[in-house]
Amino acid sequence: MQASEPLKFGAKIRIQIETDICTESGRPSANCFENARRLAVSILEQSM
């Protein structure tokens, strides 16, 4: 999975999202995007 624009989340966050999407149960984790959401909010707050 690759973004068309760099998101600057780093490999650690990307790997965690991929792991949470591709769970053993075959269903994405309910909070699979939570870390990325928090990071995005933090970046937006810093730029405002």
PDB file of N, CA and C in Angstrom:
ATOM      1  N   MET A   1       0.858  -1.163   0.000  1.00  0.00           N
ATOM      2  CA  MET A   1       0.000   0.000   0.000  1.00  0.00           C
ATOM      3  C   MET A   1       0.911   1.236   0.000  1.00  0.00           C
ATOM      4  N   GLN A   2       0.756   2.096  -0.968  1.00  0.00           N
ATOM      5  CA  GLN A   2       1.584   3.291  -1.060  1.00  0.00           C
ATOM      6  C   GLN A   2       0.711   4.518  -1.273  1.00  0.00           C
ATOM      7  N   ALA A   3       1.015   5.569  -0.552  1.00  0.00           N
ATOM      8  CA  ALA A   3       0.310   6.836  -0.725  1.00  0.00           C
ATOM      9  C   ALA A   3       0.889   7.552  -1.941  1.00  0.00           C
ATOM     10  N   SER A   4       0.050   8.286  -2.651  1.00  0.00           N
ATOM     11  CA  SER A   4       0.548   9.044  -3.796  1.00  0.00           C
ATOM     12  C   SER A   4       1.369  10.247  -3.344  1.00  0.00           C
ATOM     13  N   GLU A   5       1.123  10.725  -2.139  1.00  0.00           N
ATOM     14  CA  GLU A   5       1.897  11.803  -1.526  1.00  0.00           C
ATOM     15  C   GLU A   5       2.458  11.289  -0.204  1.00  0.00           C
ATOM     16  N   PRO A   6       3.724  11.577   0.105  1.00  0.00           N
ATOM     17  CA  PRO A   6       4.289  11.116   1.374  1.00  0.00           C
ATOM     18  C   PRO A   6       3.492  11.664   2.559  1.00  0.00           C
ATOM     19  N   LEU A   7       3.169  10.791   3.489  1.00  0.00           N
ATOM     20  CA  LEU A   7       2.394  11.205   4.658  1.00  0.00           C
ATOM     21  C   LEU A   7       3.276  11.517   5.858  1.00  0.00           C
ATOM     22  N   LYS A   8       4.538  11.135   5.782  1.00  0.00           N
ATOM     23  CA  LYS A   8       5.513  11.378   6.845  1.00  0.00           C
ATOM     24  C   LYS A   8       5.091  10.746   8.167  1.00  0.00           C
ATOM     25  N   PHE A   9       4.418   9.609   8.092  1.00  0.00           N
ATOM     26  CA  PHE A   9       4.040   8.883   9.298  1.00  0.00           C
ATOM     27  C   PHE A   9       5.150   7.935   9.734  1.00  0.00           C
ATOM     28  N   GLY A  10       6.015   7.587   8.860  1.00  0.00           N
ATOM     29  CA  GLY A  10       7.097   6.675   9.186  1.00  0.00           C
ATOM     30  C   GLY A  10       6.687   5.218   9.058  1.00  0.00           C
ATOM     31  N   ALA A  11       7.702   4.385   8.951  1.00  0.00           N
ATOM     32  CA  ALA A  11       7.470   2.954   8.742  1.00  0.00           C
ATOM     33  C   ALA A  11       6.771   2.304   9.924  1.00  0.00           C
ATOM     34  N   LYS A  12       7.082   2.727  11.136  1.00  0.00           N
ATOM     35  CA  LYS A  12       6.487   2.101  12.326  1.00  0.00           C
ATOM     36  C   LYS A  12       4.962   2.222  12.309  1.00  0.00           C
ATOM     37  N   ILE A  13       4.458   3.416  12.035  1.00  0.00           N
ATOM     38  CA  ILE A  13       3.004   3.633  11.981  1.00  0.00           C
ATOM     39  C   ILE A  13       2.405   2.863  10.808  1.00  0.00           C
ATOM     40  N   ARG A  14       3.051   2.905   9.646  1.00  0.00           N
ATOM     41  CA  ARG A  14       2.546   2.202   8.462  1.00  0.00           C
ATOM     42  C   ARG A  14       2.445   0.704   8.716  1.00  0.00           C
ATOM     43  N   ILE A  15       3.482   0.140   9.304  1.00  0.00           N
ATOM     44  CA  ILE A  15       3.482  -1.298   9.590  1.00  0.00           C
ATOM     45  C   ILE A  15       2.387  -1.644  10.593  1.00  0.00           C
ATOM     46  N   GLN A  16       2.196  -0.794  11.601  1.00  0.00           N
ATOM     47  CA  GLN A  16       1.142  -1.043  12.590  1.00  0.00           C
ATOM     48  C   GLN A  16      -0.243  -1.006  11.941  1.00  0.00           C
ATOM     49  N   ILE A  17      -0.472  -0.048  11.059  1.00  0.00           N
ATOM     50  CA  ILE A  17      -1.760   0.037  10.354  1.00  0.00           C
ATOM     51  C   ILE A  17      -1.976  -1.218   9.511  1.00  0.00           C
ATOM     52  N   GLU A  18      -0.961  -1.619   8.755  1.00  0.00           N
ATOM     53  CA  GLU A  18      -1.091  -2.814   7.921  1.00  0.00           C
ATOM     54  C   GLU A  18      -1.369  -4.051   8.767  1.00  0.00           C
ATOM     55  N   THR A  19      -0.702  -4.165   9.903  1.00  0.00           N
ATOM     56  CA  THR A  19      -0.921  -5.299  10.803  1.00  0.00           C
ATOM     57  C   THR A  19      -2.340  -5.288  11.350  1.00  0.00           C
ATOM     58  N   ASP A  20      -2.829  -4.108  11.716  1.00  0.00           N
ATOM     59  CA  ASP A  20      -4.179  -3.994  12.274  1.00  0.00           C
ATOM     60  C   ASP A  20      -5.267  -4.200  11.217  1.00  0.00           C
ATOM     61  N   ILE A  21      -4.951  -3.947   9.959  1.00  0.00           N
ATOM     62  CA  ILE A  21      -5.914  -4.189   8.877  1.00  0.00           C
ATOM     63  C   ILE A  21      -5.952  -5.681   8.541  1.00  0.00           C
ATOM     64  N   CYS A  22      -4.796  -6.296   8.492  1.00  0.00           N
ATOM     65  CA  CYS A  22      -4.685  -7.707   8.086  1.00  0.00           C
ATOM     66  C   CYS A  22      -4.557  -8.601   9.321  1.00  0.00           C
ATOM     67  N   THR A  23      -5.608  -8.697  10.109  1.00  0.00           N
ATOM     68  CA  THR A  23      -5.574  -9.495  11.333  1.00  0.00           C
ATOM     69  C   THR A  23      -5.792 -10.972  11.026  1.00  0.00           C
ATOM     70  N   GLU A  24      -5.496 -11.808  12.006  1.00  0.00           N
ATOM     71  CA  GLU A  24      -5.683 -13.252  11.843  1.00  0.00           C
ATOM     72  C   GLU A  24      -7.147 -13.615  11.630  1.00  0.00           C
ATOM     73  N   SER A  25      -8.048 -12.809  12.176  1.00  0.00           N
ATOM     74  CA  SER A  25      -9.478 -13.098  12.030  1.00  0.00           C
ATOM     75  C   SER A  25      -9.982 -12.789  10.617  1.00  0.00           C
ATOM     76  N   GLY A  26      -9.169 -12.064   9.844  1.00  0.00           N
ATOM     77  CA  GLY A  26      -9.584 -11.676   8.502  1.00  0.00           C
ATOM     78  C   GLY A  26     -10.382 -10.383   8.475  1.00  0.00           C
ATOM     79  N   ARG A  27     -10.610  -9.807   9.654  1.00  0.00           N
ATOM     80  CA  ARG A  27     -11.346  -8.539   9.751  1.00  0.00           C
ATOM     81  C   ARG A  27     -10.415  -7.467  10.297  1.00  0.00           C
ATOM     82  N   PRO A  28     -10.481  -6.257   9.773  1.00  0.00           N
ATOM     83  CA  PRO A  28      -9.645  -5.179  10.301  1.00  0.00           C
ATOM     84  C   PRO A  28      -9.978  -4.894  11.762  1.00  0.00           C
ATOM     85  N   SER A  29      -8.971  -4.514  12.503  1.00  0.00           N
ATOM     86  CA  SER A  29      -9.167  -4.091  13.886  1.00  0.00           C
ATOM     87  C   SER A  29     -10.044  -2.842  13.894  1.00  0.00           C
ATOM     88  N   ALA A  30     -10.901  -2.723  14.893  1.00  0.00           N
ATOM     89  CA  ALA A  30     -11.820  -1.577  14.978  1.00  0.00           C
ATOM     90  C   ALA A  30     -11.074  -0.252  15.087  1.00  0.00           C
ATOM     91  N   ASN A  31      -9.873  -0.274  15.625  1.00  0.00           N
ATOM     92  CA  ASN A  31      -9.120   0.974  15.807  1.00  0.00           C
ATOM     93  C   ASN A  31      -7.856   1.008  14.945  1.00  0.00           C
ATOM     94  N   CYS A  32      -7.888   0.384  13.777  1.00  0.00           N
ATOM     95  CA  CYS A  32      -6.682   0.245  12.965  1.00  0.00           C
ATOM     96  C   CYS A  32      -6.087   1.582  12.510  1.00  0.00           C
ATOM     97  N   PHE A  33      -6.888   2.620  12.427  1.00  0.00           N
ATOM     98  CA  PHE A  33      -6.369   3.915  11.976  1.00  0.00           C
ATOM     99  C   PHE A  33      -6.202   4.921  13.117  1.00  0.00           C
ATOM    100  N   GLU A  34      -6.372   4.493  14.358  1.00  0.00           N
ATOM    101  CA  GLU A  34      -6.347   5.421  15.492  1.00  0.00           C
ATOM    102  C   GLU A  34      -4.999   6.126  15.647  1.00  0.00           C
ATOM    103  N   ASN A  35      -3.895   5.402  15.582  1.00  0.00           N
ATOM    104  CA  ASN A  35      -2.582   6.046  15.721  1.00  0.00           C
ATOM    105  C   ASN A  35      -2.331   7.044  14.598  1.00  0.00           C
ATOM    106  N   ALA A  36      -2.686   6.675  13.382  1.00  0.00           N
ATOM    107  CA  ALA A  36      -2.513   7.591  12.247  1.00  0.00           C
ATOM    108  C   ALA A  36      -3.417   8.808  12.400  1.00  0.00           C
ATOM    109  N   ARG A  37      -4.637   8.611  12.892  1.00  0.00           N
ATOM    110  CA  ARG A  37      -5.562   9.729  13.100  1.00  0.00           C
ATOM    111  C   ARG A  37      -4.992  10.701  14.127  1.00  0.00           C
ATOM    112  N   ARG A  38      -4.499  10.165  15.240  1.00  0.00           N
ATOM    113  CA  ARG A  38      -3.929  11.032  16.283  1.00  0.00           C
ATOM    114  C   ARG A  38      -2.726  11.807  15.759  1.00  0.00           C
ATOM    115  N   LEU A  39      -1.881  11.140  14.987  1.00  0.00           N
ATOM    116  CA  LEU A  39      -0.716  11.810  14.420  1.00  0.00           C
ATOM    117  C   LEU A  39      -1.141  12.900  13.443  1.00  0.00           C
ATOM    118  N   ALA A  40      -2.119  12.619  12.599  1.00  0.00           N
ATOM    119  CA  ALA A  40      -2.610  13.615  11.640  1.00  0.00           C
ATOM    120  C   ALA A  40      -3.202  14.819  12.360  1.00  0.00           C
ATOM    121  N   VAL A  41      -3.973  14.586  13.412  1.00  0.00           N
ATOM    122  CA  VAL A  41      -4.553  15.689  14.188  1.00  0.00           C
ATOM    123  C   VAL A  41      -3.439  16.529  14.803  1.00  0.00           C
ATOM    124  N   SER A  42      -2.435  15.874  15.347  1.00  0.00           N
ATOM    125  CA  SER A  42      -1.315  16.594  15.950  1.00  0.00           C
ATOM    126  C   SER A  42      -0.594  17.463  14.918  1.00  0.00           C
ATOM    127  N   ILE A  43      -0.346  16.912  13.741  1.00  0.00           N
ATOM    128  CA  ILE A  43       0.324  17.672  12.677  1.00  0.00           C
ATOM    129  C   ILE A  43      -0.531  18.863  12.256  1.00  0.00           C
ATOM    130  N   LEU A  44      -1.834  18.651  12.102  1.00  0.00           N
ATOM    131  CA  LEU A  44      -2.728  19.748  11.722  1.00  0.00           C
ATOM    132  C   LEU A  44      -2.779  20.828  12.799  1.00  0.00           C
ATOM    133  N   GLU A  45      -2.808  20.432  14.055  1.00  0.00           N
ATOM    134  CA  GLU A  45      -2.846  21.417  15.144  1.00  0.00           C
ATOM    135  C   GLU A  45      -1.574  22.253  15.176  1.00  0.00           C
ATOM    136  N   GLN A  46      -0.443  21.634  14.873  1.00  0.00           N
ATOM    137  CA  GLN A  46       0.829  22.359  14.870  1.00  0.00           C
ATOM    138  C   GLN A  46       0.914  23.355  13.721  1.00  0.00           C
ATOM    139  N   SER A  47       0.224  23.069  12.626  1.00  0.00           N
ATOM    140  CA  SER A  47       0.309  23.945  11.457  1.00  0.00           C
ATOM    141  C   SER A  47      -0.744  25.048  11.466  1.00  0.00           C
ATOM    142  N   MET A  48      -1.637  25.018  12.406  1.00  0.00           N
ATOM    143  CA  MET A  48      -2.692  26.038  12.475  1.00  0.00           C
ATOM    144  C   MET A  48      -2.278  27.199  13.343  1.00  0.00           C
TER     145      MET A  48
END
